[in-house]
Every structure is written in C-alpha cells, then in structure tokens.
Amino acid sequence: PSKYGIKIFALVDSRVFYTWKMEIYAGKQPNGPFQVD
C-alpha cells in the first residue's frame, strides 16, 4: 500500500499475532561485523 519505505522482516505468532523477532533490511552493509547475507 505505501510502495516506498523501510523493509522489516518479522517473525509473528500465527495464533495471537505476537511479533517475536524483527530484522531491518539495510541493503549491503560495509565490511565489518554488521555485514550479513
């Protein structure tokens, strides 16, 4: 609906809709401890 924005991956309980874990998508990070696949 918004088309533009910040993408966040979320793990949610399917029964009660409790958001248990999230991760912000930051694109390609610089070389270092925060660079992930």
ModelCIF file with pLDDT and N, C-alpha, C, O atoms, coordinates in Angstrom:
data_MODEL
#
_entry.id   MODEL 
#
_entity.id                         1 
_entity.type                       polymer 
_entity.pdbx_number_of_molecules   1 
#
_entity_poly.entity_id                      1 
_entity_poly.type                           'polypeptide(L)' 
_entity_poly.nstd_linkage                   no 
_entity_poly.nstd_monomer                   no 
_entity_poly.pdbx_seq_one_letter_code       PSKYGIKIFALVDSRVFYTWKMEIYAGKQPNGPFQVD 
_entity_poly.pdbx_seq_one_letter_code_can   PSKYGIKIFALVDSRVFYTWKMEIYAGKQPNGPFQVD 
_entity_poly.pdbx_strand_id                 A 
#
loop_
_entity_poly_seq.entity_id 
_entity_poly_seq.num 
_entity_poly_seq.mon_id 
_entity_poly_seq.hetero 
1 1  PRO n 
1 2  SER n 
1 3  LYS n 
1 4  TYR n 
1 5  GLY n 
1 6  ILE n 
1 7  LYS n 
1 8  ILE n 
1 9  PHE n 
1 10 ALA n 
1 11 LEU n 
1 12 VAL n 
1 13 ASP n 
1 14 SER n 
1 15 ARG n 
1 16 VAL n 
1 17 PHE n 
1 18 TYR n 
1 19 THR n 
1 20 TRP n 
1 21 LYS n 
1 22 MET n 
1 23 GLU n 
1 24 ILE n 
1 25 TYR n 
1 26 ALA n 
1 27 GLY n 
1 28 LYS n 
1 29 GLN n 
1 30 PRO n 
1 31 ASN n 
1 32 GLY n 
1 33 PRO n 
1 34 PHE n 
1 35 GLN n 
1 36 VAL n 
1 37 ASP n 
#
_struct_asym.id          A 
_struct_asym.entity_id   1 
#
loop_
_ma_qa_metric.id 
_ma_qa_metric.mode 
_ma_qa_metric.name 
_ma_qa_metric.software_group_id 
_ma_qa_metric.type 
1 global pLDDT . pLDDT 
2 local  pLDDT . pLDDT 
#
_ma_qa_metric_global.metric_id      1 
_ma_qa_metric_global.metric_value   93.43 
_ma_qa_metric_global.model_id       1 
_ma_qa_metric_global.ordinal_id     1 
#
loop_
_ma_qa_metric_local.label_asym_id 
_ma_qa_metric_local.label_comp_id 
_ma_qa_metric_local.label_seq_id 
_ma_qa_metric_local.metric_id 
_ma_qa_metric_local.metric_value 
_ma_qa_metric_local.model_id 
_ma_qa_metric_local.ordinal_id 
A PRO 1  2 83.00 1 1  
A SER 2  2 84.00 1 2  
A LYS 3  2 89.00 1 3  
A TYR 4  2 92.00 1 4  
A GLY 5  2 94.00 1 5  
A ILE 6  2 95.00 1 6  
A LYS 7  2 96.00 1 7  
A ILE 8  2 96.00 1 8  
A PHE 9  2 97.00 1 9  
A ALA 10 2 97.00 1 10 
A LEU 11 2 97.00 1 11 
A VAL 12 2 96.00 1 12 
A ASP 13 2 95.00 1 13 
A SER 14 2 93.00 1 14 
A ARG 15 2 92.00 1 15 
A VAL 16 2 93.00 1 16 
A PHE 17 2 95.00 1 17 
A TYR 18 2 96.00 1 18 
A THR 19 2 96.00 1 19 
A TRP 20 2 96.00 1 20 
A LYS 21 2 96.00 1 21 
A MET 22 2 96.00 1 22 
A GLU 23 2 97.00 1 23 
A ILE 24 2 96.00 1 24 
A TYR 25 2 95.00 1 25 
A ALA 26 2 93.00 1 26 
A GLY 27 2 92.00 1 27 
A LYS 28 2 92.00 1 28 
A GLN 29 2 92.00 1 29 
A PRO 30 2 92.00 1 30 
A ASN 31 2 92.00 1 31 
A GLY 32 2 90.00 1 32 
A PRO 33 2 91.00 1 33 
A PHE 34 2 93.00 1 34 
A GLN 35 2 92.00 1 35 
A VAL 36 2 93.00 1 36 
A ASP 37 2 93.00 1 37 
#
loop_
_atom_site.group_PDB 
_atom_site.id 
_atom_site.type_symbol 
_atom_site.label_atom_id 
_atom_site.label_alt_id 
_atom_site.label_comp_id 
_atom_site.label_asym_id 
_atom_site.label_entity_id 
_atom_site.label_seq_id 
_atom_site.pdbx_PDB_ins_code 
_atom_site.Cartn_x 
_atom_site.Cartn_y 
_atom_site.Cartn_z 
_atom_site.occupancy 
_atom_site.B_iso_or_equiv 
_atom_site.pdbx_formal_charge 
_atom_site.auth_seq_id 
_atom_site.auth_comp_id 
_atom_site.auth_asym_id 
_atom_site.auth_atom_id 
_atom_site.pdbx_PDB_model_num 
ATOM 1   N N  . PRO A 1 1  ? 0.810  -1.227  0.000  1.00 83.00 ? 1  PRO A N  1 
ATOM 2   C CA . PRO A 1 1  ? 0.000  0.000   0.000  1.00 83.00 ? 1  PRO A CA 1 
ATOM 3   C C  . PRO A 1 1  ? 0.834  1.264   0.000  1.00 83.00 ? 1  PRO A C  1 
ATOM 4   O O  . PRO A 1 1  ? 0.489  2.226   -0.687 1.00 83.00 ? 1  PRO A O  1 
ATOM 5   N N  . SER A 1 2  ? 1.957  1.287   0.776  1.00 84.00 ? 2  SER A N  1 
ATOM 6   C CA . SER A 1 2  ? 2.763  2.509   0.843  1.00 84.00 ? 2  SER A CA 1 
ATOM 7   C C  . SER A 1 2  ? 3.738  2.659   -0.317 1.00 84.00 ? 2  SER A C  1 
ATOM 8   O O  . SER A 1 2  ? 4.133  3.775   -0.654 1.00 84.00 ? 2  SER A O  1 
ATOM 9   N N  . LYS A 1 3  ? 4.133  1.527   -0.938 1.00 89.00 ? 3  LYS A N  1 
ATOM 10  C CA . LYS A 1 3  ? 5.036  1.478   -2.093 1.00 89.00 ? 3  LYS A CA 1 
ATOM 11  C C  . LYS A 1 3  ? 6.482  1.827   -1.736 1.00 89.00 ? 3  LYS A C  1 
ATOM 12  O O  . LYS A 1 3  ? 7.397  1.106   -2.132 1.00 89.00 ? 3  LYS A O  1 
ATOM 13  N N  . TYR A 1 4  ? 6.706  2.917   -0.999 1.00 92.00 ? 4  TYR A N  1 
ATOM 14  C CA . TYR A 1 4  ? 8.063  3.303   -0.619 1.00 92.00 ? 4  TYR A CA 1 
ATOM 15  C C  . TYR A 1 4  ? 8.199  3.199   0.897  1.00 92.00 ? 4  TYR A C  1 
ATOM 16  O O  . TYR A 1 4  ? 7.293  3.573   1.641  1.00 92.00 ? 4  TYR A O  1 
ATOM 17  N N  . GLY A 1 5  ? 9.346  2.685   1.342  1.00 94.00 ? 5  GLY A N  1 
ATOM 18  C CA . GLY A 1 5  ? 9.521  2.636   2.785  1.00 94.00 ? 5  GLY A CA 1 
ATOM 19  C C  . GLY A 1 5  ? 10.699 1.786   3.214  1.00 94.00 ? 5  GLY A C  1 
ATOM 20  O O  . GLY A 1 5  ? 11.573 1.452   2.414  1.00 94.00 ? 5  GLY A O  1 
ATOM 21  N N  . ILE A 1 6  ? 10.705 1.444   4.494  1.00 95.00 ? 6  ILE A N  1 
ATOM 22  C CA . ILE A 1 6  ? 11.776 0.667   5.105  1.00 95.00 ? 6  ILE A CA 1 
ATOM 23  C C  . ILE A 1 6  ? 11.260 -0.751  5.332  1.00 95.00 ? 6  ILE A C  1 
ATOM 24  O O  . ILE A 1 6  ? 10.228 -0.957  5.971  1.00 95.00 ? 6  ILE A O  1 
ATOM 25  N N  . LYS A 1 7  ? 11.991 -1.717  4.800  1.00 96.00 ? 7  LYS A N  1 
ATOM 26  C CA . LYS A 1 7  ? 11.561 -3.109  4.889  1.00 96.00 ? 7  LYS A CA 1 
ATOM 27  C C  . LYS A 1 7  ? 12.054 -3.738  6.187  1.00 96.00 ? 7  LYS A C  1 
ATOM 28  O O  . LYS A 1 7  ? 13.228 -3.628  6.540  1.00 96.00 ? 7  LYS A O  1 
ATOM 29  N N  . ILE A 1 8  ? 11.142 -4.395  6.886  1.00 96.00 ? 8  ILE A N  1 
ATOM 30  C CA . ILE A 1 8  ? 11.468 -5.073  8.138  1.00 96.00 ? 8  ILE A CA 1 
ATOM 31  C C  . ILE A 1 8  ? 10.961 -6.504  8.050  1.00 96.00 ? 8  ILE A C  1 
ATOM 32  O O  . ILE A 1 8  ? 9.770  -6.733  7.837  1.00 96.00 ? 8  ILE A O  1 
ATOM 33  N N  . PHE A 1 9  ? 11.858 -7.460  8.214  1.00 97.00 ? 9  PHE A N  1 
ATOM 34  C CA . PHE A 1 9  ? 11.457 -8.865  8.283  1.00 97.00 ? 9  PHE A CA 1 
ATOM 35  C C  . PHE A 1 9  ? 10.947 -9.151  9.694  1.00 97.00 ? 9  PHE A C  1 
ATOM 36  O O  . PHE A 1 9  ? 11.563 -8.739  10.677 1.00 97.00 ? 9  PHE A O  1 
ATOM 37  N N  . ALA A 1 10 ? 9.819  -9.858  9.791  1.00 97.00 ? 10 ALA A N  1 
ATOM 38  C CA . ALA A 1 10 ? 9.203  -10.097 11.097 1.00 97.00 ? 10 ALA A CA 1 
ATOM 39  C C  . ALA A 1 10 ? 8.805  -11.557 11.242 1.00 97.00 ? 10 ALA A C  1 
ATOM 40  O O  . ALA A 1 10 ? 8.325  -12.184 10.297 1.00 97.00 ? 10 ALA A O  1 
ATOM 41  N N  . LEU A 1 11 ? 9.013  -12.088 12.442 1.00 97.00 ? 11 LEU A N  1 
ATOM 42  C CA . LEU A 1 11 ? 8.537  -13.419 12.819 1.00 97.00 ? 11 LEU A CA 1 
ATOM 43  C C  . LEU A 1 11 ? 7.397  -13.221 13.808 1.00 97.00 ? 11 LEU A C  1 
ATOM 44  O O  . LEU A 1 11 ? 7.586  -12.631 14.871 1.00 97.00 ? 11 LEU A O  1 
ATOM 45  N N  . VAL A 1 12 ? 6.202  -13.721 13.453 1.00 96.00 ? 12 VAL A N  1 
ATOM 46  C CA . VAL A 1 12 ? 4.985  -13.445 14.211 1.00 96.00 ? 12 VAL A CA 1 
ATOM 47  C C  . VAL A 1 12 ? 4.288  -14.752 14.576 1.00 96.00 ? 12 VAL A C  1 
ATOM 48  O O  . VAL A 1 12 ? 4.244  -15.687 13.776 1.00 96.00 ? 12 VAL A O  1 
ATOM 49  N N  . ASP A 1 13 ? 3.749  -14.809 15.779 1.00 95.00 ? 13 ASP A N  1 
ATOM 50  C CA . ASP A 1 13 ? 2.930  -15.949 16.193 1.00 95.00 ? 13 ASP A CA 1 
ATOM 51  C C  . ASP A 1 13 ? 1.639  -15.962 15.368 1.00 95.00 ? 13 ASP A C  1 
ATOM 52  O O  . ASP A 1 13 ? 0.922  -14.962 15.336 1.00 95.00 ? 13 ASP A O  1 
ATOM 53  N N  . SER A 1 14 ? 1.339  -17.068 14.709 1.00 93.00 ? 14 SER A N  1 
ATOM 54  C CA . SER A 1 14 ? 0.202  -17.136 13.788 1.00 93.00 ? 14 SER A CA 1 
ATOM 55  C C  . SER A 1 14 ? -1.144 -17.155 14.496 1.00 93.00 ? 14 SER A C  1 
ATOM 56  O O  . SER A 1 14 ? -2.167 -16.906 13.859 1.00 93.00 ? 14 SER A O  1 
ATOM 57  N N  . ARG A 1 15 ? -1.176 -17.444 15.794 1.00 92.00 ? 15 ARG A N  1 
ATOM 58  C CA . ARG A 1 15 ? -2.448 -17.558 16.513 1.00 92.00 ? 15 ARG A CA 1 
ATOM 59  C C  . ARG A 1 15 ? -2.836 -16.257 17.208 1.00 92.00 ? 15 ARG A C  1 
ATOM 60  O O  . ARG A 1 15 ? -3.988 -15.831 17.124 1.00 92.00 ? 15 ARG A O  1 
ATOM 61  N N  . VAL A 1 16 ? -1.884 -15.620 17.893 1.00 93.00 ? 16 VAL A N  1 
ATOM 62  C CA . VAL A 1 16 ? -2.217 -14.419 18.686 1.00 93.00 ? 16 VAL A CA 1 
ATOM 63  C C  . VAL A 1 16 ? -1.589 -13.161 18.111 1.00 93.00 ? 16 VAL A C  1 
ATOM 64  O O  . VAL A 1 16 ? -1.796 -12.073 18.648 1.00 93.00 ? 16 VAL A O  1 
ATOM 65  N N  . PHE A 1 17 ? -0.815 -13.286 17.017 1.00 95.00 ? 17 PHE A N  1 
ATOM 66  C CA . PHE A 1 17 ? -0.232 -12.145 16.306 1.00 95.00 ? 17 PHE A CA 1 
ATOM 67  C C  . PHE A 1 17 ? 0.751  -11.371 17.183 1.00 95.00 ? 17 PHE A C  1 
ATOM 68  O O  . PHE A 1 17 ? 0.791  -10.141 17.157 1.00 95.00 ? 17 PHE A O  1 
ATOM 69  N N  . TYR A 1 18 ? 1.536  -12.106 17.952 1.00 96.00 ? 18 TYR A N  1 
ATOM 70  C CA . TYR A 1 18 ? 2.605  -11.501 18.754 1.00 96.00 ? 18 TYR A CA 1 
ATOM 71  C C  . TYR A 1 18 ? 3.866  -11.443 17.908 1.00 96.00 ? 18 TYR A C  1 
ATOM 72  O O  . TYR A 1 18 ? 4.327  -12.476 17.423 1.00 96.00 ? 18 TYR A O  1 
ATOM 73  N N  . THR A 1 19 ? 4.431  -10.262 17.723 1.00 96.00 ? 19 THR A N  1 
ATOM 74  C CA . THR A 1 19 ? 5.666  -10.101 16.950 1.00 96.00 ? 19 THR A CA 1 
ATOM 75  C C  . THR A 1 19 ? 6.841  -10.459 17.839 1.00 96.00 ? 19 THR A C  1 
ATOM 76  O O  . THR A 1 19 ? 7.131  -9.750  18.803 1.00 96.00 ? 19 THR A O  1 
ATOM 77  N N  . TRP A 1 20 ? 7.517  -11.547 17.526 1.00 96.00 ? 20 TRP A N  1 
ATOM 78  C CA . TRP A 1 20 ? 8.545  -12.104 18.407 1.00 96.00 ? 20 TRP A CA 1 
ATOM 79  C C  . TRP A 1 20 ? 9.952  -11.666 18.030 1.00 96.00 ? 20 TRP A C  1 
ATOM 80  O O  . TRP A 1 20 ? 10.801 -11.484 18.903 1.00 96.00 ? 20 TRP A O  1 
ATOM 81  N N  . LYS A 1 21 ? 10.204 -11.494 16.744 1.00 96.00 ? 21 LYS A N  1 
ATOM 82  C CA . LYS A 1 21 ? 11.547 -11.083 16.312 1.00 96.00 ? 21 LYS A CA 1 
ATOM 83  C C  . LYS A 1 21 ? 11.440 -10.273 15.028 1.00 96.00 ? 21 LYS A C  1 
ATOM 84  O O  . LYS A 1 21 ? 10.578 -10.532 14.188 1.00 96.00 ? 21 LYS A O  1 
ATOM 85  N N  . MET A 1 22 ? 12.333 -9.281  14.882 1.00 96.00 ? 22 MET A N  1 
ATOM 86  C CA . MET A 1 22 ? 12.343 -8.432  13.685 1.00 96.00 ? 22 MET A CA 1 
ATOM 87  C C  . MET A 1 22 ? 13.784 -8.165  13.258 1.00 96.00 ? 22 MET A C  1 
ATOM 88  O O  . MET A 1 22 ? 14.720 -8.233  14.055 1.00 96.00 ? 22 MET A O  1 
ATOM 89  N N  . GLU A 1 23 ? 13.923 -7.864  11.981 1.00 97.00 ? 23 GLU A N  1 
ATOM 90  C CA . GLU A 1 23 ? 15.237 -7.513  11.429 1.00 97.00 ? 23 GLU A CA 1 
ATOM 91  C C  . GLU A 1 23 ? 15.040 -6.483  10.326 1.00 97.00 ? 23 GLU A C  1 
ATOM 92  O O  . GLU A 1 23 ? 14.281 -6.715  9.385  1.00 97.00 ? 23 GLU A O  1 
ATOM 93  N N  . ILE A 1 24 ? 15.718 -5.351  10.437 1.00 96.00 ? 24 ILE A N  1 
ATOM 94  C CA . ILE A 1 24 ? 15.616 -4.291  9.431  1.00 96.00 ? 24 ILE A CA 1 
ATOM 95  C C  . ILE A 1 24 ? 16.508 -4.640  8.247  1.00 96.00 ? 24 ILE A C  1 
ATOM 96  O O  . ILE A 1 24 ? 17.671 -5.003  8.423  1.00 96.00 ? 24 ILE A O  1 
ATOM 97  N N  . TYR A 1 25 ? 15.961 -4.528  7.041  1.00 95.00 ? 25 TYR A N  1 
ATOM 98  C CA . TYR A 1 25 ? 16.761 -4.754  5.841  1.00 95.00 ? 25 TYR A CA 1 
ATOM 99  C C  . TYR A 1 25 ? 17.536 -3.474  5.527  1.00 95.00 ? 25 TYR A C  1 
ATOM 100 O O  . TYR A 1 25 ? 16.939 -2.434  5.249  1.00 95.00 ? 25 TYR A O  1 
ATOM 101 N N  . ALA A 1 26 ? 18.866 -3.556  5.573  1.00 93.00 ? 26 ALA A N  1 
ATOM 102 C CA . ALA A 1 26 ? 19.711 -2.372  5.366  1.00 93.00 ? 26 ALA A CA 1 
ATOM 103 C C  . ALA A 1 26 ? 20.508 -2.438  4.077  1.00 93.00 ? 26 ALA A C  1 
ATOM 104 O O  . ALA A 1 26 ? 21.463 -1.681  3.901  1.00 93.00 ? 26 ALA A O  1 
ATOM 105 N N  . GLY A 1 27 ? 20.130 -3.335  3.171  1.00 92.00 ? 27 GLY A N  1 
ATOM 106 C CA . GLY A 1 27 ? 20.888 -3.450  1.932  1.00 92.00 ? 27 GLY A CA 1 
ATOM 107 C C  . GLY A 1 27 ? 22.265 -4.052  2.191  1.00 92.00 ? 27 GLY A C  1 
ATOM 108 O O  . GLY A 1 27 ? 22.446 -4.832  3.126  1.00 92.00 ? 27 GLY A O  1 
ATOM 109 N N  . LYS A 1 28 ? 23.221 -3.689  1.366  1.00 92.00 ? 28 LYS A N  1 
ATOM 110 C CA . LYS A 1 28 ? 24.586 -4.196  1.520  1.00 92.00 ? 28 LYS A CA 1 
ATOM 111 C C  . LYS A 1 28 ? 25.331 -3.335  2.527  1.00 92.00 ? 28 LYS A C  1 
ATOM 112 O O  . LYS A 1 28 ? 25.570 -2.152  2.283  1.00 92.00 ? 28 LYS A O  1 
ATOM 113 N N  . GLN A 1 29 ? 25.692 -3.919  3.643  1.00 92.00 ? 29 GLN A N  1 
ATOM 114 C CA . GLN A 1 29 ? 26.404 -3.202  4.697  1.00 92.00 ? 29 GLN A CA 1 
ATOM 115 C C  . GLN A 1 29 ? 27.896 -3.119  4.368  1.00 92.00 ? 29 GLN A C  1 
ATOM 116 O O  . GLN A 1 29 ? 28.405 -3.955  3.622  1.00 92.00 ? 29 GLN A O  1 
ATOM 117 N N  . PRO A 1 30 ? 28.609 -2.115  4.916  1.00 92.00 ? 30 PRO A N  1 
ATOM 118 C CA . PRO A 1 30 ? 30.070 -2.058  4.756  1.00 92.00 ? 30 PRO A CA 1 
ATOM 119 C C  . PRO A 1 30 ? 30.727 -3.287  5.382  1.00 92.00 ? 30 PRO A C  1 
ATOM 120 O O  . PRO A 1 30 ? 30.137 -3.948  6.237  1.00 92.00 ? 30 PRO A O  1 
ATOM 121 N N  . ASN A 1 31 ? 31.952 -3.587  4.950  1.00 92.00 ? 31 ASN A N  1 
ATOM 122 C CA . ASN A 1 31 ? 32.679 -4.715  5.517  1.00 92.00 ? 31 ASN A CA 1 
ATOM 123 C C  . ASN A 1 31 ? 32.843 -4.518  7.015  1.00 92.00 ? 31 ASN A C  1 
ATOM 124 O O  . ASN A 1 31 ? 33.284 -3.464  7.472  1.00 92.00 ? 31 ASN A O  1 
ATOM 125 N N  . GLY A 1 32 ? 32.482 -5.545  7.770  1.00 90.00 ? 32 GLY A N  1 
ATOM 126 C CA . GLY A 1 32 ? 32.570 -5.432  9.216  1.00 90.00 ? 32 GLY A CA 1 
ATOM 127 C C  . GLY A 1 32 ? 31.607 -6.371  9.914  1.00 90.00 ? 32 GLY A C  1 
ATOM 128 O O  . GLY A 1 32 ? 31.075 -7.287  9.286  1.00 90.00 ? 32 GLY A O  1 
ATOM 129 N N  . PRO A 1 33 ? 31.374 -6.163  11.193 1.00 91.00 ? 33 PRO A N  1 
ATOM 130 C CA . PRO A 1 33 ? 30.559 -7.105  11.977 1.00 91.00 ? 33 PRO A CA 1 
ATOM 131 C C  . PRO A 1 33 ? 29.080 -7.102  11.620 1.00 91.00 ? 33 PRO A C  1 
ATOM 132 O O  . PRO A 1 33 ? 28.364 -8.034  11.985 1.00 91.00 ? 33 PRO A O  1 
ATOM 133 N N  . PHE A 1 34 ? 28.606 -6.079  10.918 1.00 93.00 ? 34 PHE A N  1 
ATOM 134 C CA . PHE A 1 34 ? 27.178 -5.982  10.620 1.00 93.00 ? 34 PHE A CA 1 
ATOM 135 C C  . PHE A 1 34 ? 26.853 -6.415  9.189  1.00 93.00 ? 34 PHE A C  1 
ATOM 136 O O  . PHE A 1 34 ? 25.704 -6.308  8.762  1.00 93.00 ? 34 PHE A O  1 
ATOM 137 N N  . GLN A 1 35 ? 27.827 -6.892  8.458  1.00 92.00 ? 35 GLN A N  1 
ATOM 138 C CA . GLN A 1 35 ? 27.590 -7.361  7.093  1.00 92.00 ? 35 GLN A CA 1 
ATOM 139 C C  . GLN A 1 35 ? 27.001 -8.769  7.151  1.00 92.00 ? 35 GLN A C  1 
ATOM 140 O O  . GLN A 1 35 ? 27.611 -9.678  7.713  1.00 92.00 ? 35 GLN A O  1 
ATOM 141 N N  . VAL A 1 36 ? 25.818 -8.945  6.573  1.00 93.00 ? 36 VAL A N  1 
ATOM 142 C CA . VAL A 1 36 ? 25.131 -10.234 6.618  1.00 93.00 ? 36 VAL A CA 1 
ATOM 143 C C  . VAL A 1 36 ? 24.640 -10.603 5.226  1.00 93.00 ? 36 VAL A C  1 
ATOM 144 O O  . VAL A 1 36 ? 24.542 -9.759  4.335  1.00 93.00 ? 36 VAL A O  1 
ATOM 145 N N  . ASP A 1 37 ? 24.338 -11.874 5.064  1.00 93.00 ? 37 ASP A N  1 
ATOM 146 C CA . ASP A 1 37 ? 23.759 -12.377 3.818  1.00 93.00 ? 37 ASP A CA 1 
ATOM 147 C C  . ASP A 1 37 ? 22.251 -12.099 3.828  1.00 93.00 ? 37 ASP A C  1 
ATOM 148 O O  . ASP A 1 37 ? 21.554 -12.440 2.872  1.00 93.00 ? 37 ASP A O  1 
#
